[in-house]
Amino acid sequence: MSKLTLSPEVSDFKEGLFILTDETGNSVRRYEDDPEQGYIVLKDVQFREITLLTSTRLQLKTRQALYAGPVEVLEKKIAMWEKAGKIPGRIQSLDILEGDPILDNLKNLDRYVKRAGEDGPVLTKEGKKIYHFRKYTSNPDAIDMLIEHDNKAEVVTHRAAARIASADLDA
């Protein structure tokens, strides 16, 4: 295993971009229906400082994205990264509003709907769903393109209802 790979059971205490290997240690995973094509699972691990008025907190942020293509090309890319000793860039977050033509040819959009928590309401802007994607970019300075939702009242109501539902009223 190289210094650019992490096995699934390794903790997130190394900072940078890494290739997550599968259970058998493979960096490139092949698609079953087309074994000439495959993907790499990239994991971006960053420690971020959050400065408050009287203190600074350290926060661990991790993101994952797939990097797909012909297996032969992916293997060459990994070899280039190994030679350089690092994977340049970062995992970028992109929000796209429902109705954007870029979504027209994408399948399984429901899995990309942005929600307020795992079971929370769908986040929207002006009544349109927000879709959240992550992608690898070799540009380390790329910024996240996020859309702020405007259905805050719905989110607050949902969270309040969840707190009431989970409260032990017999105590």
N, C-alpha and C. Protein backbone atom coordinates (compact mmCIF):
# COMPACT_ATOMS: atom_id res chain seq x y z
N MET A 1 0.86 -1.18 0.00
CA MET A 1 0.00 0.00 0.00
C MET A 1 0.90 1.23 0.00
N SER A 2 0.57 2.19 -0.84
CA SER A 2 1.40 3.38 -0.94
C SER A 2 0.92 4.45 0.03
N LYS A 3 1.68 5.54 0.10
CA LYS A 3 1.29 6.62 1.00
C LYS A 3 0.10 7.41 0.46
N LEU A 4 -0.32 7.13 -0.78
CA LEU A 4 -1.47 7.81 -1.37
C LEU A 4 -2.77 7.04 -1.21
N THR A 5 -2.71 5.87 -0.58
CA THR A 5 -3.92 5.06 -0.44
C THR A 5 -4.28 4.89 1.02
N LEU A 6 -5.55 4.72 1.26
CA LEU A 6 -6.08 4.41 2.59
C LEU A 6 -6.96 3.19 2.44
N SER A 7 -6.82 2.26 3.36
CA SER A 7 -7.76 1.14 3.35
C SER A 7 -9.01 1.60 4.07
N PRO A 8 -10.15 0.94 3.82
CA PRO A 8 -11.42 1.39 4.41
C PRO A 8 -11.40 1.45 5.94
N GLU A 9 -10.58 0.63 6.59
CA GLU A 9 -10.60 0.61 8.06
C GLU A 9 -9.66 1.64 8.70
N VAL A 10 -8.89 2.37 7.89
CA VAL A 10 -7.96 3.36 8.43
C VAL A 10 -8.72 4.61 8.85
N SER A 11 -8.32 5.18 9.97
CA SER A 11 -8.98 6.40 10.46
C SER A 11 -8.57 7.60 9.61
N ASP A 12 -9.25 8.70 9.80
CA ASP A 12 -9.07 9.90 8.99
C ASP A 12 -8.05 10.88 9.56
N PHE A 13 -6.92 10.43 10.06
CA PHE A 13 -6.01 11.34 10.71
C PHE A 13 -4.82 11.73 9.85
N LYS A 14 -4.90 11.49 8.57
CA LYS A 14 -3.91 11.98 7.62
C LYS A 14 -4.61 13.05 6.78
N GLU A 15 -3.95 14.18 6.56
CA GLU A 15 -4.58 15.25 5.80
C GLU A 15 -4.13 15.19 4.34
N GLY A 16 -5.06 15.47 3.43
CA GLY A 16 -4.78 15.49 2.01
C GLY A 16 -5.77 14.66 1.23
N LEU A 17 -5.44 14.44 -0.05
CA LEU A 17 -6.26 13.60 -0.92
C LEU A 17 -5.67 12.20 -0.96
N PHE A 18 -6.55 11.21 -0.87
CA PHE A 18 -6.11 9.82 -0.86
C PHE A 18 -7.04 8.98 -1.73
N ILE A 19 -6.53 7.83 -2.15
CA ILE A 19 -7.33 6.86 -2.86
C ILE A 19 -7.80 5.83 -1.84
N LEU A 20 -9.10 5.62 -1.76
CA LEU A 20 -9.64 4.59 -0.86
C LEU A 20 -9.61 3.26 -1.61
N THR A 21 -8.94 2.30 -1.05
CA THR A 21 -8.89 0.98 -1.68
C THR A 21 -10.12 0.17 -1.29
N ASP A 22 -10.39 -0.87 -2.08
CA ASP A 22 -11.49 -1.76 -1.72
C ASP A 22 -11.00 -2.78 -0.69
N GLU A 23 -11.85 -3.72 -0.33
CA GLU A 23 -11.51 -4.69 0.72
C GLU A 23 -10.28 -5.52 0.40
N THR A 24 -9.99 -5.70 -0.90
CA THR A 24 -8.83 -6.51 -1.28
C THR A 24 -7.60 -5.67 -1.62
N GLY A 25 -7.68 -4.35 -1.39
CA GLY A 25 -6.52 -3.49 -1.61
C GLY A 25 -6.41 -2.88 -2.99
N ASN A 26 -7.41 -3.07 -3.85
CA ASN A 26 -7.37 -2.51 -5.20
C ASN A 26 -7.69 -1.02 -5.18
N SER A 27 -6.90 -0.24 -5.93
CA SER A 27 -7.15 1.19 -6.04
C SER A 27 -8.19 1.49 -7.10
N VAL A 28 -8.13 0.76 -8.21
CA VAL A 28 -9.09 0.95 -9.30
C VAL A 28 -10.15 -0.14 -9.19
N ARG A 29 -11.39 0.29 -9.21
CA ARG A 29 -12.52 -0.64 -9.15
C ARG A 29 -13.15 -0.70 -10.54
N ARG A 30 -13.37 -1.90 -11.04
CA ARG A 30 -13.93 -2.08 -12.38
C ARG A 30 -15.45 -2.17 -12.33
N TYR A 31 -16.09 -1.61 -13.35
CA TYR A 31 -17.54 -1.76 -13.47
C TYR A 31 -17.83 -3.18 -13.94
N GLU A 32 -18.80 -3.83 -13.31
CA GLU A 32 -19.13 -5.21 -13.66
C GLU A 32 -19.62 -5.33 -15.09
N ASP A 33 -20.43 -4.37 -15.56
CA ASP A 33 -21.00 -4.48 -16.91
C ASP A 33 -20.03 -4.03 -18.00
N ASP A 34 -18.89 -3.41 -17.63
CA ASP A 34 -17.88 -2.98 -18.60
C ASP A 34 -16.53 -2.94 -17.90
N PRO A 35 -15.84 -4.10 -17.81
CA PRO A 35 -14.60 -4.19 -17.04
C PRO A 35 -13.43 -3.35 -17.56
N GLU A 36 -13.55 -2.81 -18.76
CA GLU A 36 -12.51 -1.91 -19.27
C GLU A 36 -12.64 -0.51 -18.67
N GLN A 37 -13.82 -0.23 -18.10
CA GLN A 37 -14.08 1.06 -17.45
C GLN A 37 -14.07 0.85 -15.93
N GLY A 38 -13.68 1.90 -15.22
CA GLY A 38 -13.64 1.77 -13.77
C GLY A 38 -13.66 3.13 -13.10
N TYR A 39 -13.36 3.10 -11.81
CA TYR A 39 -13.35 4.35 -11.05
C TYR A 39 -12.43 4.21 -9.85
N ILE A 40 -12.02 5.36 -9.36
CA ILE A 40 -11.23 5.47 -8.15
C ILE A 40 -12.10 6.22 -7.14
N VAL A 41 -12.07 5.80 -5.89
CA VAL A 41 -12.74 6.55 -4.84
C VAL A 41 -11.70 7.44 -4.19
N LEU A 42 -11.88 8.74 -4.33
CA LEU A 42 -10.95 9.70 -3.74
C LEU A 42 -11.55 10.24 -2.45
N LYS A 43 -10.71 10.38 -1.45
CA LYS A 43 -11.14 10.93 -0.16
C LYS A 43 -10.27 12.14 0.16
N ASP A 44 -10.93 13.24 0.45
CA ASP A 44 -10.26 14.50 0.80
C ASP A 44 -10.42 14.69 2.31
N VAL A 45 -9.31 14.73 3.02
CA VAL A 45 -9.32 14.90 4.47
C VAL A 45 -8.65 16.22 4.80
N GLN A 46 -9.40 17.10 5.45
CA GLN A 46 -8.88 18.43 5.79
C GLN A 46 -9.18 18.76 7.23
N PHE A 47 -8.21 19.35 7.90
CA PHE A 47 -8.44 19.92 9.22
C PHE A 47 -8.68 21.40 9.01
N ARG A 48 -9.77 21.91 9.54
CA ARG A 48 -10.10 23.33 9.38
C ARG A 48 -10.24 23.97 10.74
N GLU A 49 -9.70 25.18 10.85
CA GLU A 49 -9.83 25.93 12.08
C GLU A 49 -11.05 26.84 12.00
N ILE A 50 -11.85 26.80 13.04
CA ILE A 50 -13.01 27.68 13.14
C ILE A 50 -12.72 28.63 14.29
N THR A 51 -12.56 29.90 13.98
CA THR A 51 -12.22 30.89 15.00
C THR A 51 -13.48 31.52 15.55
N LEU A 52 -13.64 31.40 16.84
CA LEU A 52 -14.75 32.02 17.55
C LEU A 52 -14.22 33.25 18.27
N LEU A 53 -15.07 33.93 18.97
CA LEU A 53 -14.67 35.16 19.65
C LEU A 53 -13.54 34.91 20.64
N THR A 54 -13.66 33.84 21.45
CA THR A 54 -12.69 33.61 22.51
C THR A 54 -11.83 32.36 22.33
N SER A 55 -12.05 31.62 21.26
CA SER A 55 -11.28 30.39 21.08
C SER A 55 -11.26 29.98 19.61
N THR A 56 -10.46 28.97 19.34
CA THR A 56 -10.39 28.38 18.01
C THR A 56 -10.64 26.90 18.15
N ARG A 57 -11.50 26.38 17.29
CA ARG A 57 -11.80 24.94 17.28
C ARG A 57 -11.23 24.33 16.01
N LEU A 58 -10.75 23.11 16.16
CA LEU A 58 -10.26 22.36 15.02
C LEU A 58 -11.35 21.38 14.60
N GLN A 59 -11.66 21.36 13.31
CA GLN A 59 -12.73 20.51 12.79
C GLN A 59 -12.16 19.62 11.69
N LEU A 60 -12.51 18.35 11.72
CA LEU A 60 -12.09 17.40 10.70
C LEU A 60 -13.19 17.33 9.65
N LYS A 61 -12.85 17.62 8.38
CA LYS A 61 -13.80 17.56 7.27
C LYS A 61 -13.33 16.50 6.29
N THR A 62 -14.23 15.58 5.93
CA THR A 62 -13.89 14.60 4.91
C THR A 62 -14.95 14.63 3.81
N ARG A 63 -14.49 14.41 2.60
CA ARG A 63 -15.38 14.34 1.44
C ARG A 63 -14.88 13.21 0.55
N GLN A 64 -15.81 12.61 -0.18
CA GLN A 64 -15.44 11.57 -1.13
C GLN A 64 -16.06 11.87 -2.48
N ALA A 65 -15.38 11.42 -3.53
CA ALA A 65 -15.90 11.55 -4.89
C ALA A 65 -15.33 10.42 -5.73
N LEU A 66 -16.07 10.08 -6.77
CA LEU A 66 -15.58 9.07 -7.73
C LEU A 66 -14.87 9.78 -8.87
N TYR A 67 -13.82 9.14 -9.36
CA TYR A 67 -13.06 9.63 -10.50
C TYR A 67 -13.06 8.48 -11.50
N ALA A 68 -13.85 8.59 -12.56
CA ALA A 68 -14.10 7.46 -13.45
C ALA A 68 -13.41 7.63 -14.80
N GLY A 69 -13.20 6.49 -15.48
CA GLY A 69 -12.62 6.49 -16.81
C GLY A 69 -12.16 5.11 -17.19
N PRO A 70 -11.47 5.00 -18.32
CA PRO A 70 -10.91 3.71 -18.71
C PRO A 70 -9.88 3.24 -17.67
N VAL A 71 -9.92 1.97 -17.31
CA VAL A 71 -9.04 1.42 -16.28
C VAL A 71 -7.58 1.72 -16.60
N GLU A 72 -7.19 1.56 -17.85
CA GLU A 72 -5.80 1.80 -18.26
C GLU A 72 -5.38 3.25 -17.97
N VAL A 73 -6.25 4.19 -18.24
CA VAL A 73 -5.96 5.61 -18.01
C VAL A 73 -5.90 5.90 -16.51
N LEU A 74 -6.82 5.32 -15.75
CA LEU A 74 -6.81 5.52 -14.30
C LEU A 74 -5.53 4.98 -13.67
N GLU A 75 -5.07 3.83 -14.14
CA GLU A 75 -3.83 3.26 -13.62
C GLU A 75 -2.63 4.15 -13.93
N LYS A 76 -2.62 4.76 -15.12
CA LYS A 76 -1.54 5.69 -15.47
C LYS A 76 -1.61 6.95 -14.61
N LYS A 77 -2.81 7.41 -14.34
CA LYS A 77 -2.99 8.60 -13.50
C LYS A 77 -2.46 8.32 -12.09
N ILE A 78 -2.79 7.15 -11.55
CA ILE A 78 -2.29 6.79 -10.22
C ILE A 78 -0.76 6.74 -10.22
N ALA A 79 -0.17 6.19 -11.27
CA ALA A 79 1.28 6.13 -11.36
C ALA A 79 1.89 7.54 -11.38
N MET A 80 1.25 8.48 -12.07
CA MET A 80 1.72 9.87 -12.08
C MET A 80 1.65 10.48 -10.68
N TRP A 81 0.54 10.23 -10.00
CA TRP A 81 0.39 10.75 -8.64
C TRP A 81 1.43 10.13 -7.70
N GLU A 82 1.68 8.82 -7.87
CA GLU A 82 2.69 8.15 -7.04
C GLU A 82 4.07 8.77 -7.26
N LYS A 83 4.39 9.03 -8.51
CA LYS A 83 5.69 9.62 -8.84
C LYS A 83 5.82 11.01 -8.22
N ALA A 84 4.74 11.78 -8.25
CA ALA A 84 4.75 13.12 -7.68
C ALA A 84 4.70 13.10 -6.15
N GLY A 85 4.26 11.98 -5.59
CA GLY A 85 4.19 11.86 -4.14
C GLY A 85 2.93 12.44 -3.51
N LYS A 86 2.01 12.91 -4.35
CA LYS A 86 0.75 13.44 -3.82
C LYS A 86 -0.27 13.55 -4.93
N ILE A 87 -1.52 13.65 -4.52
CA ILE A 87 -2.61 13.87 -5.46
C ILE A 87 -2.95 15.35 -5.38
N PRO A 88 -2.77 16.09 -6.47
CA PRO A 88 -3.05 17.52 -6.41
C PRO A 88 -4.55 17.79 -6.43
N GLY A 89 -4.96 18.92 -5.89
CA GLY A 89 -6.34 19.34 -6.00
C GLY A 89 -7.15 19.09 -4.76
N ARG A 90 -8.46 18.94 -4.96
CA ARG A 90 -9.39 18.76 -3.86
C ARG A 90 -10.71 18.21 -4.37
N ILE A 91 -11.58 17.84 -3.45
CA ILE A 91 -12.94 17.47 -3.78
C ILE A 91 -13.79 18.73 -3.66
N GLN A 92 -14.46 19.08 -4.73
CA GLN A 92 -15.26 20.30 -4.79
C GLN A 92 -16.74 19.96 -4.65
N SER A 93 -17.46 20.75 -3.85
CA SER A 93 -18.91 20.61 -3.71
C SER A 93 -19.61 21.57 -4.66
N LEU A 94 -20.62 21.05 -5.35
CA LEU A 94 -21.38 21.86 -6.31
C LEU A 94 -22.87 21.67 -6.06
N ASP A 95 -23.58 22.76 -5.85
CA ASP A 95 -25.03 22.72 -5.75
C ASP A 95 -25.61 23.22 -7.07
N ILE A 96 -26.65 22.54 -7.54
CA ILE A 96 -27.31 22.93 -8.79
C ILE A 96 -28.81 22.97 -8.53
N LEU A 97 -29.45 24.01 -9.01
CA LEU A 97 -30.87 24.22 -8.78
C LEU A 97 -31.71 23.44 -9.79
N GLU A 98 -32.79 22.85 -9.31
CA GLU A 98 -33.74 22.14 -10.16
C GLU A 98 -34.11 23.02 -11.37
N GLY A 99 -34.16 22.41 -12.54
CA GLY A 99 -34.50 23.15 -13.75
C GLY A 99 -33.28 23.54 -14.57
N ASP A 100 -32.09 23.45 -13.98
CA ASP A 100 -30.87 23.77 -14.72
C ASP A 100 -30.68 22.71 -15.80
N PRO A 101 -30.44 23.11 -17.06
CA PRO A 101 -30.28 22.14 -18.15
C PRO A 101 -29.16 21.13 -17.93
N ILE A 102 -28.19 21.45 -17.08
CA ILE A 102 -27.08 20.52 -16.84
C ILE A 102 -27.59 19.22 -16.20
N LEU A 103 -28.76 19.27 -15.58
CA LEU A 103 -29.33 18.09 -14.93
C LEU A 103 -30.12 17.20 -15.89
N ASP A 104 -30.39 17.67 -17.09
CA ASP A 104 -31.29 16.98 -18.01
C ASP A 104 -30.88 15.54 -18.33
N ASN A 105 -29.60 15.27 -18.46
CA ASN A 105 -29.16 13.94 -18.86
C ASN A 105 -28.68 13.07 -17.71
N LEU A 106 -28.85 13.55 -16.48
CA LEU A 106 -28.40 12.77 -15.33
C LEU A 106 -29.51 11.83 -14.86
N LYS A 107 -29.10 10.64 -14.43
CA LYS A 107 -30.04 9.65 -13.93
C LYS A 107 -29.96 9.60 -12.41
N ASN A 108 -30.97 9.04 -11.79
CA ASN A 108 -31.01 8.85 -10.34
C ASN A 108 -30.79 10.15 -9.57
N LEU A 109 -31.44 11.21 -10.00
CA LEU A 109 -31.25 12.51 -9.36
C LEU A 109 -31.69 12.51 -7.90
N ASP A 110 -32.61 11.64 -7.53
CA ASP A 110 -33.10 11.63 -6.15
C ASP A 110 -31.97 11.43 -5.13
N ARG A 111 -30.94 10.72 -5.51
CA ARG A 111 -29.83 10.48 -4.57
C ARG A 111 -28.99 11.72 -4.33
N TYR A 112 -29.15 12.75 -5.15
CA TYR A 112 -28.36 13.98 -5.02
C TYR A 112 -29.16 15.14 -4.40
N VAL A 113 -30.42 14.90 -4.05
CA VAL A 113 -31.24 15.95 -3.45
C VAL A 113 -30.62 16.35 -2.11
N LYS A 114 -30.48 17.64 -1.91
CA LYS A 114 -29.91 18.16 -0.66
C LYS A 114 -31.01 18.23 0.39
N ARG A 115 -30.73 17.67 1.58
CA ARG A 115 -31.70 17.62 2.66
C ARG A 115 -31.13 18.23 3.93
N ALA A 116 -32.02 18.60 4.82
CA ALA A 116 -31.63 19.07 6.14
C ALA A 116 -31.48 17.84 7.03
N GLY A 117 -30.34 17.22 6.99
CA GLY A 117 -30.13 15.98 7.73
C GLY A 117 -30.58 14.78 6.94
N GLU A 118 -30.37 13.62 7.50
CA GLU A 118 -30.66 12.37 6.79
C GLU A 118 -32.13 12.20 6.42
N ASP A 119 -33.02 12.56 7.35
CA ASP A 119 -34.46 12.39 7.09
C ASP A 119 -35.21 13.71 7.07
N GLY A 120 -34.49 14.80 6.93
CA GLY A 120 -35.10 16.12 6.96
C GLY A 120 -35.73 16.51 5.64
N PRO A 121 -36.35 17.67 5.63
CA PRO A 121 -36.99 18.12 4.40
C PRO A 121 -35.98 18.44 3.30
N VAL A 122 -36.45 18.37 2.08
CA VAL A 122 -35.63 18.73 0.92
C VAL A 122 -35.36 20.23 0.99
N LEU A 123 -34.10 20.62 0.79
CA LEU A 123 -33.75 22.04 0.79
C LEU A 123 -34.07 22.64 -0.57
N THR A 124 -34.68 23.83 -0.54
CA THR A 124 -35.11 24.47 -1.78
C THR A 124 -34.69 25.94 -1.81
N LYS A 125 -34.69 26.46 -3.00
CA LYS A 125 -34.46 27.89 -3.24
C LYS A 125 -35.55 28.33 -4.20
N GLU A 126 -36.38 29.28 -3.76
CA GLU A 126 -37.50 29.77 -4.57
C GLU A 126 -38.39 28.63 -5.07
N GLY A 127 -38.59 27.63 -4.20
CA GLY A 127 -39.46 26.51 -4.51
C GLY A 127 -38.83 25.41 -5.36
N LYS A 128 -37.57 25.58 -5.76
CA LYS A 128 -36.89 24.57 -6.58
C LYS A 128 -35.91 23.77 -5.72
N LYS A 129 -35.86 22.46 -5.95
CA LYS A 129 -34.95 21.59 -5.21
C LYS A 129 -33.50 21.97 -5.48
N ILE A 130 -32.67 21.76 -4.46
CA ILE A 130 -31.23 21.93 -4.61
C ILE A 130 -30.62 20.54 -4.69
N TYR A 131 -29.79 20.31 -5.71
CA TYR A 131 -29.06 19.05 -5.86
C TYR A 131 -27.61 19.29 -5.50
N HIS A 132 -27.02 18.34 -4.76
CA HIS A 132 -25.65 18.49 -4.26
C HIS A 132 -24.75 17.41 -4.86
N PHE A 133 -23.67 17.85 -5.47
CA PHE A 133 -22.71 16.94 -6.10
C PHE A 133 -21.32 17.21 -5.55
N ARG A 134 -20.46 16.20 -5.64
CA ARG A 134 -19.04 16.35 -5.30
C ARG A 134 -18.23 15.79 -6.45
N LYS A 135 -17.15 16.51 -6.79
CA LYS A 135 -16.30 16.05 -7.87
C LYS A 135 -14.85 16.37 -7.57
N TYR A 136 -13.97 15.57 -8.13
CA TYR A 136 -12.53 15.83 -8.00
C TYR A 136 -12.13 16.90 -8.99
N THR A 137 -11.31 17.84 -8.54
CA THR A 137 -10.69 18.80 -9.43
C THR A 137 -9.21 18.87 -9.08
N SER A 138 -8.37 19.00 -10.09
CA SER A 138 -6.93 19.10 -9.84
C SER A 138 -6.54 20.49 -9.37
N ASN A 139 -7.49 21.42 -9.37
CA ASN A 139 -7.23 22.79 -8.94
C ASN A 139 -7.37 22.89 -7.41
N PRO A 140 -6.28 23.08 -6.69
CA PRO A 140 -6.38 23.15 -5.23
C PRO A 140 -7.09 24.41 -4.73
N ASP A 141 -7.23 25.41 -5.59
CA ASP A 141 -7.88 26.66 -5.21
C ASP A 141 -9.34 26.73 -5.62
N ALA A 142 -9.87 25.66 -6.18
CA ALA A 142 -11.28 25.66 -6.59
C ALA A 142 -12.17 25.89 -5.37
N ILE A 143 -13.18 26.70 -5.56
CA ILE A 143 -14.08 26.99 -4.44
C ILE A 143 -15.37 26.19 -4.60
N ASP A 144 -15.99 25.92 -3.47
CA ASP A 144 -17.28 25.24 -3.50
C ASP A 144 -18.33 26.19 -4.05
N MET A 145 -19.26 25.66 -4.81
CA MET A 145 -20.35 26.44 -5.40
C MET A 145 -21.64 25.98 -4.72
N LEU A 146 -21.99 26.67 -3.64
CA LEU A 146 -23.13 26.26 -2.83
C LEU A 146 -24.29 27.23 -2.99
N ILE A 147 -25.50 26.70 -2.85
CA ILE A 147 -26.71 27.51 -2.93
C ILE A 147 -27.36 27.49 -1.55
N GLU A 148 -27.64 28.67 -1.02
CA GLU A 148 -28.29 28.77 0.29
C GLU A 148 -29.78 28.53 0.12
N HIS A 149 -30.31 27.64 0.92
CA HIS A 149 -31.74 27.34 0.83
C HIS A 149 -32.56 28.45 1.50
N ASP A 150 -33.82 28.58 1.08
CA ASP A 150 -34.68 29.61 1.65
C ASP A 150 -35.92 29.03 2.36
N ASN A 151 -35.93 27.73 2.59
CA ASN A 151 -37.06 27.12 3.32
C ASN A 151 -36.65 26.84 4.77
N LYS A 152 -36.08 27.87 5.39
CA LYS A 152 -35.59 27.75 6.76
C LYS A 152 -36.70 27.42 7.75
N ALA A 153 -37.89 28.02 7.61
CA ALA A 153 -39.00 27.76 8.53
C ALA A 153 -39.38 26.28 8.53
N GLU A 154 -39.40 25.68 7.37
CA GLU A 154 -39.72 24.25 7.25
C GLU A 154 -38.67 23.40 7.98
N VAL A 155 -37.41 23.78 7.86
CA VAL A 155 -36.32 23.04 8.51
C VAL A 155 -36.44 23.18 10.03
N VAL A 156 -36.68 24.40 10.51
CA VAL A 156 -36.82 24.64 11.95
C VAL A 156 -38.00 23.84 12.51
N THR A 157 -39.12 23.83 11.81
CA THR A 157 -40.30 23.08 12.25
C THR A 157 -39.99 21.58 12.31
N HIS A 158 -39.31 21.07 11.30
CA HIS A 158 -38.94 19.65 11.27
C HIS A 158 -38.05 19.30 12.45
N ARG A 159 -37.04 20.12 12.70
CA ARG A 159 -36.11 19.83 13.80
C ARG A 159 -36.81 19.91 15.15
N ALA A 160 -37.70 20.87 15.32
CA ALA A 160 -38.45 20.97 16.58
C ALA A 160 -39.33 19.74 16.78
N ALA A 161 -40.00 19.30 15.72
CA ALA A 161 -40.85 18.11 15.80
C ALA A 161 -40.02 16.87 16.13
N ALA A 162 -38.83 16.78 15.56
CA ALA A 162 -37.94 15.63 15.83
C ALA A 162 -37.49 15.64 17.29
N ARG A 163 -37.19 16.82 17.83
CA ARG A 163 -36.78 16.91 19.24
C ARG A 163 -37.93 16.49 20.17
N ILE A 164 -39.13 16.93 19.85
CA ILE A 164 -40.30 16.57 20.67
C ILE A 164 -40.55 15.07 20.59
N ALA A 165 -40.46 14.52 19.39
CA ALA A 165 -40.70 13.09 19.20
C ALA A 165 -39.68 12.23 19.93
N SER A 166 -38.44 12.72 20.05
CA SER A 166 -37.40 11.92 20.70
C SER A 166 -37.31 12.18 22.20
N ALA A 167 -38.06 13.16 22.71
CA ALA A 167 -38.02 13.49 24.14
C ALA A 167 -38.70 12.38 24.95
N ASP A 168 -38.15 12.12 26.09
CA ASP A 168 -38.74 11.13 26.99
C ASP A 168 -39.74 11.87 27.88
N LEU A 169 -41.01 11.83 27.49
CA LEU A 169 -42.03 12.59 28.19
C LEU A 169 -42.45 11.96 29.52
N ASP A 170 -42.06 10.70 29.76
CA ASP A 170 -42.41 10.03 31.02
C ASP A 170 -41.38 10.30 32.10
N ALA A 171 -40.29 10.91 31.78
CA ALA A 171 -39.22 11.11 32.77
C ALA A 171 -39.56 12.18 33.76
